[in-house]
């Protein structure tokens, strides 16, 4: 081999080492920049997750309030049913008493005299 060829090979090897070193540095910078960016994005996602946790806690409180309201409505419905039954019983008794009053009035009046019936 000639000394010129050996010099070319050595210079090519040095050039490749320099280029590869530069590429390595460039990739390391991009990797670090991407890692920093991903860390910032993870921070944002953590903030959003925190917001969602707060919102979930609020919804749980609201659900508990609605459950209380539903329980109150159920109690009110039960009261209305009870009152409705009471009123139904009272109306039945009133109707019975009215029919008894009508019968009593009819008995007091007695039958119509014969001349009035004609």
N, C-alpha and C. Protein backbone atom coordinates (compact mmCIF):
# COMPACT_ATOMS: atom_id res chain seq x y z
N UNK A 1 0.82 -1.16 0.00
CA UNK A 1 0.00 0.00 0.00
C UNK A 1 0.88 1.24 0.00
N UNK A 2 0.33 2.20 -0.65
CA UNK A 2 1.11 3.44 -0.76
C UNK A 2 0.80 4.34 0.43
N UNK A 3 1.78 5.16 0.77
CA UNK A 3 1.56 6.06 1.91
C UNK A 3 0.41 7.05 1.67
N UNK A 4 0.14 7.41 0.42
CA UNK A 4 -0.98 8.32 0.12
C UNK A 4 -2.32 7.65 0.42
N UNK A 5 -2.41 6.37 0.06
CA UNK A 5 -3.65 5.62 0.31
C UNK A 5 -3.88 5.48 1.81
N UNK A 6 -2.80 5.21 2.54
CA UNK A 6 -2.91 5.09 4.00
C UNK A 6 -3.32 6.44 4.59
N UNK A 7 -2.80 7.53 4.09
CA UNK A 7 -3.18 8.88 4.55
C UNK A 7 -4.63 9.18 4.26
N UNK A 8 -5.11 8.76 3.07
CA UNK A 8 -6.51 8.98 2.71
C UNK A 8 -7.42 8.17 3.65
N UNK A 9 -7.02 6.93 3.92
CA UNK A 9 -7.83 6.07 4.80
C UNK A 9 -7.87 6.66 6.21
N UNK A 10 -6.71 7.13 6.69
CA UNK A 10 -6.65 7.72 8.03
C UNK A 10 -7.48 9.00 8.07
N UNK A 11 -7.37 9.83 7.03
CA UNK A 11 -8.14 11.08 7.01
C UNK A 11 -9.65 10.79 6.90
N UNK A 12 -10.01 9.74 6.11
CA UNK A 12 -11.43 9.35 6.03
C UNK A 12 -11.93 8.85 7.38
N UNK A 13 -11.09 8.08 8.07
CA UNK A 13 -11.48 7.58 9.38
C UNK A 13 -11.64 8.74 10.37
N UNK A 14 -10.73 9.72 10.31
CA UNK A 14 -10.83 10.89 11.19
C UNK A 14 -12.07 11.70 10.85
N UNK A 15 -12.35 11.85 9.55
CA UNK A 15 -13.53 12.59 9.11
C UNK A 15 -14.81 11.88 9.59
N UNK A 16 -14.84 10.56 9.42
CA UNK A 16 -16.00 9.78 9.89
C UNK A 16 -16.16 9.91 11.39
N UNK A 17 -15.06 9.86 12.13
CA UNK A 17 -15.13 9.99 13.58
C UNK A 17 -15.65 11.38 13.96
N UNK A 18 -15.20 12.41 13.24
CA UNK A 18 -15.66 13.78 13.51
C UNK A 18 -17.15 13.91 13.19
N UNK A 19 -17.56 13.39 12.03
CA UNK A 19 -18.98 13.47 11.63
C UNK A 19 -19.84 12.69 12.60
N UNK A 20 -19.40 11.48 12.93
CA UNK A 20 -20.19 10.67 13.87
C UNK A 20 -20.24 11.32 15.25
N UNK A 21 -19.13 11.94 15.67
CA UNK A 21 -19.12 12.65 16.96
C UNK A 21 -20.10 13.82 16.92
N UNK A 22 -20.13 14.54 15.80
CA UNK A 22 -21.06 15.67 15.66
C UNK A 22 -22.51 15.17 15.65
N UNK A 23 -22.73 14.06 14.94
CA UNK A 23 -24.08 13.48 14.91
C UNK A 23 -24.48 13.04 16.31
N UNK A 24 -23.54 12.44 17.04
CA UNK A 24 -23.83 11.99 18.40
C UNK A 24 -24.21 13.18 19.28
N UNK A 25 -23.46 14.28 19.18
CA UNK A 25 -23.76 15.49 19.96
C UNK A 25 -25.13 16.05 19.57
N UNK A 26 -25.40 16.10 18.26
CA UNK A 26 -26.67 16.62 17.78
C UNK A 26 -27.83 15.75 18.28
N UNK A 27 -27.67 14.44 18.20
CA UNK A 27 -28.71 13.52 18.70
C UNK A 27 -28.88 13.65 20.20
N UNK A 28 -27.79 13.83 20.93
CA UNK A 28 -27.87 13.99 22.38
C UNK A 28 -28.63 15.28 22.73
N UNK A 29 -28.36 16.37 21.99
CA UNK A 29 -29.08 17.63 22.22
C UNK A 29 -30.57 17.47 21.92
N UNK A 30 -30.87 16.82 20.78
CA UNK A 30 -32.27 16.63 20.42
C UNK A 30 -32.98 15.72 21.43
N UNK A 31 -32.27 14.70 21.89
CA UNK A 31 -32.84 13.81 22.89
C UNK A 31 -33.11 14.56 24.18
N UNK A 32 -32.14 15.40 24.59
CA UNK A 32 -32.34 16.18 25.81
C UNK A 32 -33.50 17.17 25.63
N UNK A 33 -33.57 17.81 24.46
CA UNK A 33 -34.66 18.75 24.20
C UNK A 33 -36.01 18.02 24.21
N UNK A 34 -36.04 16.85 23.55
CA UNK A 34 -37.30 16.07 23.55
C UNK A 34 -37.67 15.61 24.95
N UNK A 35 -36.67 15.20 25.71
CA UNK A 35 -36.94 14.76 27.08
C UNK A 35 -37.48 15.91 27.92
N UNK A 36 -36.89 17.11 27.75
CA UNK A 36 -37.37 18.28 28.46
C UNK A 36 -38.81 18.60 28.04
N UNK A 37 -39.07 18.51 26.75
CA UNK A 37 -40.42 18.78 26.25
C UNK A 37 -41.41 17.75 26.80
N UNK A 38 -41.04 16.49 26.79
CA UNK A 38 -41.92 15.45 27.34
C UNK A 38 -42.15 15.66 28.83
N UNK A 39 -41.12 16.12 29.55
CA UNK A 39 -41.29 16.41 30.98
C UNK A 39 -42.29 17.55 31.19
N UNK A 40 -42.21 18.60 30.33
CA UNK A 40 -43.17 19.69 30.43
C UNK A 40 -44.58 19.21 30.11
N UNK A 41 -44.69 18.37 29.10
CA UNK A 41 -46.01 17.81 28.74
C UNK A 41 -46.54 16.95 29.88
N UNK A 42 -45.66 16.15 30.49
CA UNK A 42 -46.09 15.35 31.65
C UNK A 42 -46.57 16.25 32.79
N UNK A 43 -45.88 17.37 32.99
CA UNK A 43 -46.31 18.33 34.01
C UNK A 43 -47.69 18.89 33.70
N UNK A 44 -47.92 19.21 32.43
CA UNK A 44 -49.24 19.70 32.03
C UNK A 44 -50.31 18.63 32.27
N UNK A 45 -49.99 17.39 31.90
CA UNK A 45 -50.96 16.30 32.12
C UNK A 45 -51.23 16.11 33.60
N UNK A 46 -50.21 16.27 34.43
CA UNK A 46 -50.42 16.16 35.88
C UNK A 46 -51.35 17.26 36.38
N UNK A 47 -51.17 18.50 35.83
CA UNK A 47 -52.07 19.59 36.20
C UNK A 47 -53.51 19.25 35.79
N UNK A 48 -53.65 18.77 34.55
CA UNK A 48 -54.99 18.43 34.06
C UNK A 48 -55.58 17.29 34.89
N UNK A 49 -54.76 16.32 35.24
CA UNK A 49 -55.25 15.23 36.10
C UNK A 49 -55.70 15.78 37.45
N UNK A 50 -54.95 16.74 37.98
CA UNK A 50 -55.35 17.37 39.24
C UNK A 50 -56.69 18.08 39.11
N UNK A 51 -56.88 18.77 37.97
CA UNK A 51 -58.16 19.44 37.73
C UNK A 51 -59.30 18.42 37.67
N UNK A 52 -59.04 17.31 36.95
CA UNK A 52 -60.08 16.28 36.84
C UNK A 52 -60.38 15.66 38.21
N UNK A 53 -59.38 15.49 39.04
CA UNK A 53 -59.62 14.96 40.38
C UNK A 53 -60.49 15.92 41.19
N UNK A 54 -60.21 17.23 41.07
CA UNK A 54 -61.04 18.21 41.76
C UNK A 54 -62.48 18.17 41.23
N UNK A 55 -62.61 18.08 39.91
CA UNK A 55 -63.94 18.03 39.30
C UNK A 55 -64.66 16.76 39.74
N UNK A 56 -63.95 15.64 39.77
CA UNK A 56 -64.57 14.40 40.24
C UNK A 56 -65.03 14.51 41.68
N UNK A 57 -64.22 15.18 42.51
CA UNK A 57 -64.62 15.38 43.92
C UNK A 57 -65.87 16.24 44.00
N UNK A 58 -65.92 17.28 43.17
CA UNK A 58 -67.13 18.13 43.13
C UNK A 58 -68.34 17.33 42.69
N UNK A 59 -68.17 16.50 41.65
CA UNK A 59 -69.30 15.68 41.17
C UNK A 59 -69.75 14.69 42.24
N UNK A 60 -68.82 14.16 43.00
CA UNK A 60 -69.19 13.25 44.08
C UNK A 60 -70.02 13.99 45.13
N UNK A 61 -69.62 15.23 45.45
CA UNK A 61 -70.40 16.03 46.40
C UNK A 61 -71.79 16.31 45.84
N UNK A 62 -71.85 16.65 44.56
CA UNK A 62 -73.14 16.93 43.93
C UNK A 62 -74.00 15.67 43.91
N UNK A 63 -73.39 14.52 43.59
CA UNK A 63 -74.14 13.26 43.61
C UNK A 63 -74.69 12.97 45.00
N UNK A 64 -73.88 13.25 46.03
CA UNK A 64 -74.35 13.04 47.41
C UNK A 64 -75.54 13.95 47.71
N UNK A 65 -75.46 15.20 47.25
CA UNK A 65 -76.58 16.13 47.45
C UNK A 65 -77.83 15.63 46.73
N UNK A 66 -77.65 15.16 45.49
CA UNK A 66 -78.81 14.65 44.75
C UNK A 66 -79.40 13.42 45.43
N UNK A 67 -78.56 12.59 46.00
CA UNK A 67 -79.07 11.43 46.73
C UNK A 67 -79.90 11.87 47.93
N UNK A 68 -79.42 12.92 48.64
CA UNK A 68 -80.20 13.45 49.76
C UNK A 68 -81.53 14.01 49.28
N UNK A 69 -81.49 14.73 48.16
CA UNK A 69 -82.72 15.29 47.61
C UNK A 69 -83.66 14.17 47.19
N UNK A 70 -83.13 13.13 46.57
CA UNK A 70 -83.96 11.98 46.19
C UNK A 70 -84.60 11.33 47.41
N UNK A 71 -83.83 11.21 48.49
CA UNK A 71 -84.38 10.65 49.72
C UNK A 71 -85.52 11.52 50.25
N UNK A 72 -85.31 12.84 50.20
CA UNK A 72 -86.37 13.76 50.66
C UNK A 72 -87.61 13.61 49.79
N UNK A 73 -87.43 13.52 48.48
CA UNK A 73 -88.58 13.35 47.59
C UNK A 73 -89.30 12.03 47.87
N UNK A 74 -88.55 10.99 48.16
CA UNK A 74 -89.18 9.71 48.50
C UNK A 74 -90.00 9.84 49.78
N UNK A 75 -89.47 10.57 50.77
CA UNK A 75 -90.22 10.79 52.01
C UNK A 75 -91.49 11.59 51.72
N UNK A 76 -91.36 12.62 50.89
CA UNK A 76 -92.53 13.44 50.54
C UNK A 76 -93.56 12.60 49.80
N UNK A 77 -93.10 11.76 48.87
CA UNK A 77 -94.03 10.87 48.15
C UNK A 77 -94.75 9.95 49.12
N UNK A 78 -94.01 9.41 50.09
CA UNK A 78 -94.64 8.54 51.08
C UNK A 78 -95.68 9.31 51.88
N UNK A 79 -95.37 10.55 52.26
CA UNK A 79 -96.34 11.37 52.99
C UNK A 79 -97.58 11.63 52.16
N UNK A 80 -97.38 11.96 50.88
CA UNK A 80 -98.53 12.20 50.01
C UNK A 80 -99.40 10.95 49.88
N UNK A 81 -98.77 9.80 49.74
CA UNK A 81 -99.55 8.56 49.66
C UNK A 81 -100.34 8.34 50.94
N UNK A 82 -99.70 8.58 52.07
CA UNK A 82 -100.38 8.41 53.35
C UNK A 82 -101.56 9.38 53.46
N UNK A 83 -101.34 10.66 53.09
CA UNK A 83 -102.42 11.64 53.14
C UNK A 83 -103.54 11.31 52.16
N UNK A 84 -103.16 10.82 50.99
CA UNK A 84 -104.15 10.43 50.00
C UNK A 84 -105.03 9.30 50.52
N UNK A 85 -104.40 8.34 51.19
CA UNK A 85 -105.18 7.25 51.78
C UNK A 85 -106.12 7.78 52.86
N UNK A 86 -105.62 8.72 53.69
CA UNK A 86 -106.47 9.30 54.73
C UNK A 86 -107.67 10.01 54.10
N UNK A 87 -107.39 10.83 53.06
CA UNK A 87 -108.48 11.55 52.42
C UNK A 87 -109.46 10.60 51.75
N UNK A 88 -108.97 9.55 51.14
CA UNK A 88 -109.87 8.57 50.54
C UNK A 88 -110.78 7.96 51.60
N UNK A 89 -110.19 7.60 52.73
CA UNK A 89 -111.00 7.04 53.83
C UNK A 89 -112.03 8.06 54.31
N UNK A 90 -111.63 9.31 54.45
CA UNK A 90 -112.55 10.34 54.92
C UNK A 90 -113.68 10.56 53.92
N UNK A 91 -113.35 10.58 52.62
CA UNK A 91 -114.39 10.77 51.61
C UNK A 91 -115.38 9.62 51.62
N UNK A 92 -114.89 8.41 51.81
CA UNK A 92 -115.78 7.25 51.88
C UNK A 92 -116.71 7.40 53.08
N UNK A 93 -116.15 7.80 54.21
CA UNK A 93 -116.98 7.99 55.42
C UNK A 93 -118.00 9.11 55.21
N UNK A 94 -117.59 10.20 54.59
CA UNK A 94 -118.51 11.31 54.33
C UNK A 94 -119.64 10.86 53.41
N UNK A 95 -119.30 10.11 52.36
CA UNK A 95 -120.34 9.60 51.45
C UNK A 95 -121.32 8.70 52.20
N UNK A 96 -120.78 7.85 53.07
CA UNK A 96 -121.65 6.97 53.85
C UNK A 96 -122.56 7.79 54.76
N UNK A 97 -121.99 8.79 55.43
CA UNK A 97 -122.79 9.63 56.31
C UNK A 97 -123.84 10.40 55.54
N UNK A 98 -123.48 10.90 54.35
CA UNK A 98 -124.46 11.61 53.52
C UNK A 98 -125.62 10.70 53.13
N UNK A 99 -125.30 9.48 52.75
CA UNK A 99 -126.38 8.56 52.38
C UNK A 99 -127.25 8.26 53.60
N UNK A 100 -126.64 8.17 54.80
CA UNK A 100 -127.42 7.94 56.02
C UNK A 100 -128.30 9.15 56.33
N UNK A 101 -127.76 10.37 56.10
CA UNK A 101 -128.54 11.58 56.32
C UNK A 101 -129.72 11.63 55.36
N UNK A 102 -129.49 11.27 54.10
CA UNK A 102 -130.58 11.25 53.12
C UNK A 102 -131.66 10.27 53.54
N UNK A 103 -131.27 9.11 53.99
CA UNK A 103 -132.24 8.12 54.43
C UNK A 103 -133.01 8.64 55.63
N UNK A 104 -132.31 9.28 56.58
CA UNK A 104 -132.97 9.81 57.77
C UNK A 104 -133.96 10.91 57.40
N UNK A 105 -133.57 11.78 56.47
CA UNK A 105 -134.49 12.84 56.03
C UNK A 105 -135.69 12.24 55.36
N UNK A 106 -135.47 11.24 54.53
CA UNK A 106 -136.60 10.59 53.85
C UNK A 106 -137.52 9.94 54.86
N UNK A 107 -137.00 9.36 55.91
CA UNK A 107 -137.83 8.73 56.94
C UNK A 107 -138.63 9.78 57.71
N UNK A 108 -137.96 10.94 57.97
CA UNK A 108 -138.66 12.00 58.69
C UNK A 108 -139.82 12.56 57.87
N UNK A 109 -139.59 12.70 56.58
CA UNK A 109 -140.64 13.24 55.74
C UNK A 109 -141.78 12.24 55.59
N UNK A 110 -141.44 11.03 55.59
CA UNK A 110 -142.47 10.00 55.47
C UNK A 110 -142.99 9.91 54.05
N UNK A 111 -143.89 8.96 53.80
CA UNK A 111 -144.42 8.83 52.45
C UNK A 111 -145.34 10.01 52.12
N UNK A 112 -145.43 10.31 50.86
CA UNK A 112 -146.30 11.41 50.43
C UNK A 112 -147.76 11.00 50.64
N UNK A 113 -148.57 11.98 51.05
CA UNK A 113 -149.99 11.65 51.17
C UNK A 113 -150.54 11.24 49.80
N UNK A 114 -151.64 10.50 49.83
CA UNK A 114 -152.20 9.94 48.61
C UNK A 114 -152.57 11.00 47.59
N UNK A 115 -153.11 12.08 48.01
CA UNK A 115 -153.53 13.10 47.07
C UNK A 115 -152.32 13.77 46.41
N UNK A 116 -151.22 13.90 47.12
CA UNK A 116 -150.03 14.53 46.52
C UNK A 116 -149.36 13.59 45.55
N UNK A 117 -149.50 12.30 45.75
CA UNK A 117 -148.85 11.35 44.83
C UNK A 117 -149.57 11.32 43.49
N UNK A 118 -150.84 11.62 43.47
CA UNK A 118 -151.60 11.55 42.22
C UNK A 118 -151.28 12.74 41.43
